[in-house]
N, C-alpha and C. Protein backbone atom coordinates (compact mmCIF):
# COMPACT_ATOMS: atom_id res chain seq x y z
N UNK A 1 147.89 100.03 91.72
CA UNK A 1 147.85 99.37 90.43
C UNK A 1 146.90 100.15 89.53
N UNK A 2 147.28 100.39 88.28
CA UNK A 2 146.39 101.13 87.39
C UNK A 2 145.14 100.33 87.05
N UNK A 3 144.05 101.02 86.76
CA UNK A 3 142.81 100.30 86.45
C UNK A 3 142.89 99.59 85.11
N UNK A 4 142.19 98.47 85.01
CA UNK A 4 142.10 97.81 83.71
C UNK A 4 140.93 98.41 82.94
N UNK A 5 141.02 98.39 81.63
CA UNK A 5 139.96 99.00 80.81
C UNK A 5 139.40 98.00 79.81
N UNK A 6 139.58 96.72 80.05
CA UNK A 6 138.97 95.71 79.20
C UNK A 6 137.80 95.09 79.95
N UNK A 7 136.91 94.48 79.23
CA UNK A 7 135.76 93.83 79.86
C UNK A 7 134.45 94.40 79.37
N UNK A 8 133.41 94.10 80.08
CA UNK A 8 132.04 94.44 79.72
C UNK A 8 131.73 95.92 79.94
N UNK A 9 132.01 96.44 81.12
CA UNK A 9 131.69 97.83 81.46
C UNK A 9 132.90 98.73 81.67
N UNK A 10 134.07 98.16 81.87
CA UNK A 10 135.26 98.95 82.20
C UNK A 10 135.56 100.06 81.19
N UNK A 11 135.40 99.83 79.88
CA UNK A 11 135.70 100.92 78.95
C UNK A 11 134.84 102.18 79.20
N UNK A 12 133.67 101.99 79.77
CA UNK A 12 132.77 103.12 80.02
C UNK A 12 132.91 103.66 81.45
N UNK A 13 132.92 102.77 82.43
CA UNK A 13 132.92 103.21 83.82
C UNK A 13 134.29 103.63 84.34
N UNK A 14 135.36 103.09 83.77
CA UNK A 14 136.70 103.42 84.28
C UNK A 14 137.03 104.90 84.10
N UNK A 15 136.38 105.58 83.21
CA UNK A 15 136.60 107.01 83.03
C UNK A 15 136.06 107.81 84.22
N UNK A 16 134.98 107.32 84.80
CA UNK A 16 134.28 108.04 85.87
C UNK A 16 134.61 107.52 87.27
N UNK A 17 134.79 106.21 87.37
CA UNK A 17 135.11 105.61 88.68
C UNK A 17 136.28 104.63 88.50
N UNK A 18 137.47 105.17 88.28
CA UNK A 18 138.62 104.29 88.00
C UNK A 18 138.97 103.36 89.15
N UNK A 19 138.70 103.76 90.39
CA UNK A 19 139.02 102.90 91.54
C UNK A 19 138.25 101.59 91.51
N UNK A 20 137.14 101.53 90.77
CA UNK A 20 136.35 100.30 90.68
C UNK A 20 137.15 99.19 90.03
N UNK A 21 138.14 99.55 89.21
CA UNK A 21 138.90 98.55 88.47
C UNK A 21 140.36 98.43 88.92
N UNK A 22 140.71 99.02 90.04
CA UNK A 22 142.05 98.85 90.59
C UNK A 22 142.16 97.48 91.23
N UNK A 23 143.28 96.85 91.04
CA UNK A 23 143.52 95.57 91.68
C UNK A 23 143.93 95.78 93.13
N UNK A 24 143.33 95.04 94.03
CA UNK A 24 143.64 95.21 95.44
C UNK A 24 143.10 94.03 96.24
N UNK A 25 143.78 93.76 97.34
CA UNK A 25 143.29 92.75 98.27
C UNK A 25 141.94 93.15 98.84
N UNK A 26 141.67 94.44 98.94
CA UNK A 26 140.41 94.92 99.51
C UNK A 26 139.21 94.48 98.68
N UNK A 27 139.39 94.29 97.39
CA UNK A 27 138.28 93.79 96.57
C UNK A 27 137.94 92.35 96.95
N UNK A 28 138.97 91.56 97.23
CA UNK A 28 138.73 90.18 97.67
C UNK A 28 138.04 90.17 99.03
N UNK A 29 138.45 91.07 99.91
CA UNK A 29 137.82 91.18 101.23
C UNK A 29 136.35 91.57 101.07
N UNK A 30 136.07 92.58 100.23
CA UNK A 30 134.68 93.01 100.01
C UNK A 30 133.85 91.86 99.44
N UNK A 31 134.38 91.16 98.44
CA UNK A 31 133.65 90.04 97.85
C UNK A 31 133.36 88.93 98.85
N UNK A 32 134.34 88.66 99.71
CA UNK A 32 134.16 87.63 100.73
C UNK A 32 133.13 88.04 101.77
N UNK A 33 133.21 89.28 102.24
CA UNK A 33 132.23 89.76 103.22
C UNK A 33 130.82 89.78 102.60
N UNK A 34 130.71 90.21 101.35
CA UNK A 34 129.41 90.21 100.67
C UNK A 34 128.83 88.82 100.56
N UNK A 35 129.66 87.85 100.19
CA UNK A 35 129.19 86.47 100.06
C UNK A 35 128.80 85.89 101.41
N UNK A 36 129.61 86.13 102.43
CA UNK A 36 129.27 85.62 103.76
C UNK A 36 128.00 86.27 104.31
N UNK A 37 127.84 87.56 104.07
CA UNK A 37 126.63 88.26 104.51
C UNK A 37 125.40 87.70 103.81
N UNK A 38 125.50 87.58 102.49
CA UNK A 38 124.36 87.10 101.71
C UNK A 38 124.02 85.65 102.05
N UNK A 39 125.04 84.82 102.21
CA UNK A 39 124.80 83.41 102.53
C UNK A 39 124.39 83.22 103.99
N UNK A 40 124.91 84.06 104.87
CA UNK A 40 124.60 83.94 106.29
C UNK A 40 123.14 84.15 106.61
N UNK A 41 122.45 84.85 105.73
CA UNK A 41 121.02 85.09 105.97
C UNK A 41 120.24 83.78 106.03
N UNK A 42 120.65 82.79 105.24
CA UNK A 42 119.96 81.51 105.25
C UNK A 42 120.22 80.74 106.54
N UNK A 43 121.43 80.85 107.05
CA UNK A 43 121.74 80.18 108.32
C UNK A 43 120.90 80.78 109.44
N UNK A 44 120.83 82.12 109.50
CA UNK A 44 120.02 82.77 110.54
C UNK A 44 118.54 82.45 110.39
N UNK A 45 118.06 82.43 109.15
CA UNK A 45 116.65 82.09 108.92
C UNK A 45 116.37 80.65 109.33
N UNK A 46 117.29 79.75 109.03
CA UNK A 46 117.13 78.36 109.41
C UNK A 46 117.11 78.21 110.93
N UNK A 47 118.05 78.89 111.62
CA UNK A 47 118.09 78.82 113.09
C UNK A 47 116.81 79.37 113.72
N UNK A 48 116.32 80.48 113.19
CA UNK A 48 115.07 81.05 113.71
C UNK A 48 113.90 80.12 113.46
N UNK A 49 113.87 79.48 112.30
CA UNK A 49 112.79 78.53 111.99
C UNK A 49 112.85 77.31 112.90
N UNK A 50 114.05 76.82 113.16
CA UNK A 50 114.20 75.69 114.07
C UNK A 50 113.74 76.05 115.48
N UNK A 51 114.07 77.25 115.91
CA UNK A 51 113.68 77.70 117.24
C UNK A 51 112.17 77.81 117.37
N UNK A 52 111.52 78.33 116.31
CA UNK A 52 110.07 78.51 116.33
C UNK A 52 109.31 77.24 115.93
N UNK A 53 110.02 76.25 115.42
CA UNK A 53 109.40 75.00 114.93
C UNK A 53 108.42 75.25 113.79
N UNK A 54 108.65 76.32 113.04
CA UNK A 54 107.89 76.62 111.82
C UNK A 54 108.75 77.56 110.98
N UNK A 55 108.39 77.71 109.73
CA UNK A 55 109.17 78.57 108.85
C UNK A 55 108.90 80.04 109.21
N UNK A 56 109.97 80.75 109.53
CA UNK A 56 109.87 82.18 109.81
C UNK A 56 110.96 82.91 109.02
N UNK A 57 110.67 84.14 108.68
CA UNK A 57 111.63 84.99 107.99
C UNK A 57 111.82 86.23 108.84
N UNK A 58 112.87 86.25 109.66
CA UNK A 58 113.08 87.40 110.55
C UNK A 58 113.51 88.64 109.77
N UNK A 59 113.33 89.79 110.36
CA UNK A 59 113.69 91.06 109.73
C UNK A 59 115.16 91.08 109.33
N UNK A 60 116.03 90.50 110.14
CA UNK A 60 117.46 90.51 109.84
C UNK A 60 117.75 89.82 108.51
N UNK A 61 116.91 88.88 108.12
CA UNK A 61 117.07 88.20 106.82
C UNK A 61 117.06 89.21 105.69
N UNK A 62 116.14 90.17 105.75
CA UNK A 62 116.03 91.16 104.68
C UNK A 62 117.18 92.16 104.72
N UNK A 63 117.66 92.49 105.91
CA UNK A 63 118.83 93.37 106.01
C UNK A 63 120.07 92.68 105.44
N UNK A 64 120.28 91.43 105.80
CA UNK A 64 121.43 90.70 105.26
C UNK A 64 121.29 90.51 103.75
N UNK A 65 120.08 90.28 103.27
CA UNK A 65 119.85 90.15 101.83
C UNK A 65 120.23 91.44 101.12
N UNK A 66 119.76 92.57 101.65
CA UNK A 66 120.03 93.87 101.03
C UNK A 66 121.53 94.18 101.02
N UNK A 67 122.15 94.16 102.19
CA UNK A 67 123.55 94.56 102.27
C UNK A 67 124.47 93.56 101.59
N UNK A 68 124.17 92.28 101.68
CA UNK A 68 124.96 91.28 100.96
C UNK A 68 124.87 91.47 99.46
N UNK A 69 123.67 91.75 98.96
CA UNK A 69 123.51 91.95 97.52
C UNK A 69 124.16 93.24 97.05
N UNK A 70 124.16 94.29 97.88
CA UNK A 70 124.86 95.53 97.53
C UNK A 70 126.36 95.26 97.40
N UNK A 71 126.94 94.60 98.41
CA UNK A 71 128.38 94.31 98.36
C UNK A 71 128.73 93.38 97.20
N UNK A 72 127.90 92.37 96.96
CA UNK A 72 128.16 91.47 95.85
C UNK A 72 128.06 92.19 94.51
N UNK A 73 127.07 93.05 94.36
CA UNK A 73 126.92 93.78 93.10
C UNK A 73 128.11 94.68 92.84
N UNK A 74 128.58 95.37 93.85
CA UNK A 74 129.77 96.21 93.68
C UNK A 74 130.98 95.35 93.32
N UNK A 75 131.13 94.23 94.00
CA UNK A 75 132.24 93.33 93.70
C UNK A 75 132.13 92.79 92.27
N UNK A 76 130.94 92.42 91.85
CA UNK A 76 130.77 91.91 90.49
C UNK A 76 131.02 92.99 89.44
N UNK A 77 130.69 94.24 89.77
CA UNK A 77 131.04 95.34 88.86
C UNK A 77 132.56 95.45 88.74
N UNK A 78 133.25 95.24 89.86
CA UNK A 78 134.71 95.24 89.84
C UNK A 78 135.23 94.11 88.95
N UNK A 79 134.65 92.92 89.07
CA UNK A 79 135.08 91.79 88.24
C UNK A 79 134.78 92.02 86.77
N UNK A 80 133.75 92.81 86.49
CA UNK A 80 133.37 93.19 85.13
C UNK A 80 133.00 91.98 84.27
N UNK A 81 132.22 91.09 84.83
CA UNK A 81 131.74 89.91 84.11
C UNK A 81 130.22 90.00 84.01
N UNK A 82 129.72 89.89 82.81
CA UNK A 82 128.29 90.09 82.56
C UNK A 82 127.37 89.15 83.34
N UNK A 83 127.59 87.83 83.39
CA UNK A 83 126.61 86.97 84.08
C UNK A 83 126.37 87.33 85.54
N UNK A 84 127.41 87.49 86.38
CA UNK A 84 127.09 87.84 87.77
C UNK A 84 126.51 89.24 87.92
N UNK A 85 126.91 90.17 87.06
CA UNK A 85 126.34 91.52 87.14
C UNK A 85 124.85 91.46 86.84
N UNK A 86 124.49 90.82 85.74
CA UNK A 86 123.07 90.74 85.37
C UNK A 86 122.27 89.92 86.38
N UNK A 87 122.89 88.94 87.00
CA UNK A 87 122.21 88.12 88.00
C UNK A 87 121.99 88.82 89.33
N UNK A 88 122.70 89.92 89.57
CA UNK A 88 122.63 90.58 90.87
C UNK A 88 122.22 92.04 90.84
N UNK A 89 122.22 92.66 89.70
CA UNK A 89 122.04 94.11 89.64
C UNK A 89 120.69 94.58 90.20
N UNK A 90 119.66 93.77 90.09
CA UNK A 90 118.35 94.18 90.57
C UNK A 90 118.06 93.76 92.02
N UNK A 91 118.88 92.88 92.56
CA UNK A 91 118.62 92.36 93.91
C UNK A 91 118.58 93.44 94.99
N UNK A 92 119.52 94.40 95.02
CA UNK A 92 119.43 95.43 96.06
C UNK A 92 118.11 96.21 96.00
N UNK A 93 117.59 96.43 94.80
CA UNK A 93 116.32 97.14 94.67
C UNK A 93 115.16 96.30 95.20
N UNK A 94 115.19 95.00 94.90
CA UNK A 94 114.12 94.11 95.38
C UNK A 94 114.14 93.99 96.90
N UNK A 95 115.33 93.77 97.46
CA UNK A 95 115.42 93.63 98.91
C UNK A 95 115.19 94.96 99.62
N UNK A 96 115.61 96.05 98.99
CA UNK A 96 115.32 97.37 99.55
C UNK A 96 113.83 97.63 99.60
N UNK A 97 113.14 97.23 98.55
CA UNK A 97 111.68 97.38 98.51
C UNK A 97 111.03 96.52 99.60
N UNK A 98 111.53 95.31 99.80
CA UNK A 98 110.99 94.46 100.87
C UNK A 98 111.18 95.11 102.24
N UNK A 99 112.35 95.71 102.46
CA UNK A 99 112.58 96.41 103.73
C UNK A 99 111.64 97.60 103.88
N UNK A 100 111.44 98.35 102.80
CA UNK A 100 110.52 99.47 102.84
C UNK A 100 109.11 99.00 103.21
N UNK A 101 108.64 97.94 102.55
CA UNK A 101 107.30 97.42 102.84
C UNK A 101 107.21 96.88 104.26
N UNK A 102 108.27 96.24 104.71
CA UNK A 102 108.29 95.71 106.07
C UNK A 102 108.14 96.83 107.09
N UNK A 103 108.93 97.87 106.95
CA UNK A 103 108.87 98.98 107.92
C UNK A 103 107.61 99.81 107.76
N UNK A 104 107.11 99.92 106.54
CA UNK A 104 105.84 100.62 106.32
C UNK A 104 104.71 99.85 107.01
N UNK A 105 104.71 98.55 106.86
CA UNK A 105 103.69 97.70 107.48
C UNK A 105 103.78 97.77 109.00
N UNK A 106 105.00 97.77 109.54
CA UNK A 106 105.18 97.86 110.99
C UNK A 106 104.70 99.19 111.53
N UNK A 107 104.96 100.29 110.80
CA UNK A 107 104.53 101.60 111.30
C UNK A 107 103.02 101.74 111.22
N UNK A 108 102.40 101.13 110.23
CA UNK A 108 100.93 101.16 110.12
C UNK A 108 100.33 100.43 111.32
N UNK A 109 100.86 99.26 111.64
CA UNK A 109 100.31 98.51 112.75
C UNK A 109 100.64 99.14 114.10
N UNK A 110 101.77 99.79 114.20
CA UNK A 110 102.10 100.45 115.47
C UNK A 110 101.24 101.70 115.68
N UNK A 111 100.67 102.23 114.59
CA UNK A 111 99.79 103.40 114.69
C UNK A 111 98.35 102.99 115.00
N UNK A 112 98.08 101.69 115.06
CA UNK A 112 96.76 101.21 115.42
C UNK A 112 95.90 100.77 114.24
N UNK A 113 96.40 100.89 113.00
CA UNK A 113 95.65 100.47 111.84
C UNK A 113 95.88 98.97 111.65
N UNK A 114 94.82 98.20 111.66
CA UNK A 114 94.99 96.75 111.54
C UNK A 114 94.67 96.21 110.17
N UNK A 115 94.14 97.04 109.27
CA UNK A 115 93.81 96.49 107.95
C UNK A 115 95.00 96.55 107.00
N UNK A 116 95.99 97.40 107.26
CA UNK A 116 97.21 97.44 106.47
C UNK A 116 97.04 97.93 105.05
N UNK A 117 95.91 98.54 104.71
CA UNK A 117 95.67 98.99 103.36
C UNK A 117 96.07 100.43 103.10
N UNK A 118 96.45 101.15 104.12
CA UNK A 118 96.76 102.56 103.92
C UNK A 118 98.22 102.81 103.75
């Protein structure tokens, strides 16, 4: 199916990445997987908290947040609607930064530094 060129970003992006605006069942699959990934993080966090009998945020929560937000952002770019794009465009960067800080903190502590300031 040829790409559509109407909408918020399509007139600009369709010249460079036309496949982003092709109609396909695969876009629905991507959007569904992104939503399930992003939403599933809360279920896993809830189960881990119930198991520990206190609020915990496991590392997998941040991975699911990152990858779910990446898939959702790509899907929302495909939909070419301003509200979901603006609501999600920064999330992969925020969750990516959280993963970076998490692994940086873990490597500092695994190296024997306990103050975490370096």
